[in-house]
Every structure is written in C-alpha cells, then in structure tokens.
Amino acid sequence: MNFPVLYLRKGAERRLRAGHLWVYSNEVDIQRSPLTQFEAGTQAELRAANDKPLGVVFVNPHALICGRLISRDAAQGITPNRLTQRMETALTLRERLFEKPFYRWVFGDSDGLSGLVVDRFGDTVVVQISTAGMEQMKESIIRAVQRLAHPKAIILKNDGKMRSVEGLDTYIEQAHGPEAELLEVAYEDMWTEVVISGRYGVKSIQ
C-alpha cells in the first residue's frame, strides 16, 4: 500500500523504538510533513528524521496525540482483513482465559487496534470507537464482530470524551439486532444484572 509520509523530528523516534505507540504533535517535523495536509483518520507511513521507516500510524492533525501506531511494518496498514485477523487473535486469547462469553474482547492498543474497545456480554457485543481512524472502519468492525462472534445484538457506544478530542460526534447506536434489555452476566462465580441498551448505554445495577 502507498501511504503519505509523516516525518518525526530528530530524536523523536526513541520512544517508539522503546515500545511506545503514540506520536505527539510536537514530535512531528512540520516542515517536511505539515499536519494540515492530513485528514483525520488517514493512515500514514511514519519515518524518523533520517528517513528510516518506523511503521504505519493513524493520523489526526487536530489532536495532541496526532499519530497512533497500528503497524511496525511500514508496508502494511490496517485493512478490513487485517482488522478481522487481529480481532480473531484477541478473541482466541479471551476464549482460552474465560469459560463463559463475558469479557473485554478487544483492549485497543494492546491488541493492535488503537481506538477500539469491544466488550462481550453473551449474545450482545458492545463496541466503543474513540479515534478517527477506527471510526472510518466502523462498518468493517461490525462485519468482523458478526463473522467472529455471531451475536444477536451489536451496540455502538460511542459517547466517550476522547471522541471530542478526536473531533468526532458522540452517539449510541443499535448496529445490529433487537435492543437488549436486562441481562444476567456471569463473572467468575458471581452473577450481576446489567442493562444493555442502545438508548442508555451500559451500566451495572447494584
């Protein structure tokens, strides 16, 4: 894939080489790659000042965290297929750790999916998108959830504060299936009741 290039200032690559995943706007060489030339959610190749490739990032020129690393291979960004593969890898791990399908399925950066959190409540899956890059992949995320988990309902709970930082609208939407009501959710040896609603979001009942 051919990506536009985002250049870092001299020395700014040290954090990323040490394992960090975010690029701050003051680390960008705006003479070589003005942030204003990027649209929010664009995938771009990230390069050090000496022109060495560092990977691919989601870019948002309006945010302090203007780059989020999604691949350390400069030739590979996130495609619908790679998104599904990473979600499948995350699901396989959670299924090994939990006997019942009640868990956080996707943990954002930890699963190579910056800006995406997915919670599974049995037959209902709640998706939270917090970055412009992931918002552009919303339909691919929904299809991946349907393919991998076959839930009865999918809720987009996109009302977090980070969305305003990314310049995104907030909303809660029933993306698939009927609106869920009161559910019993298993956690270890305990059960709790949870309201999962496309209108009201997700909350526990004491």
Foldseek 3Di string as FASTA:
>chain_A
DDFAEWEFEAPQCVVVVVPDFFDFPVGTPCVVPNLVVDDFQGKHFYAYPVRHTQAIWGAQSQARRGTGHLTRPSVDHDDLVNVLVLLLVLQVVVVVVDVAQFAWSDDAVVSSHHQWTWTTFHLEIEIEGQGRNVVVCVVSVVVSCCVRPVHQWYKYQHADPSNVSRVHDGAIATPHHDFDAWDWGDDPPDIFIWGDGSHPHIDTDD
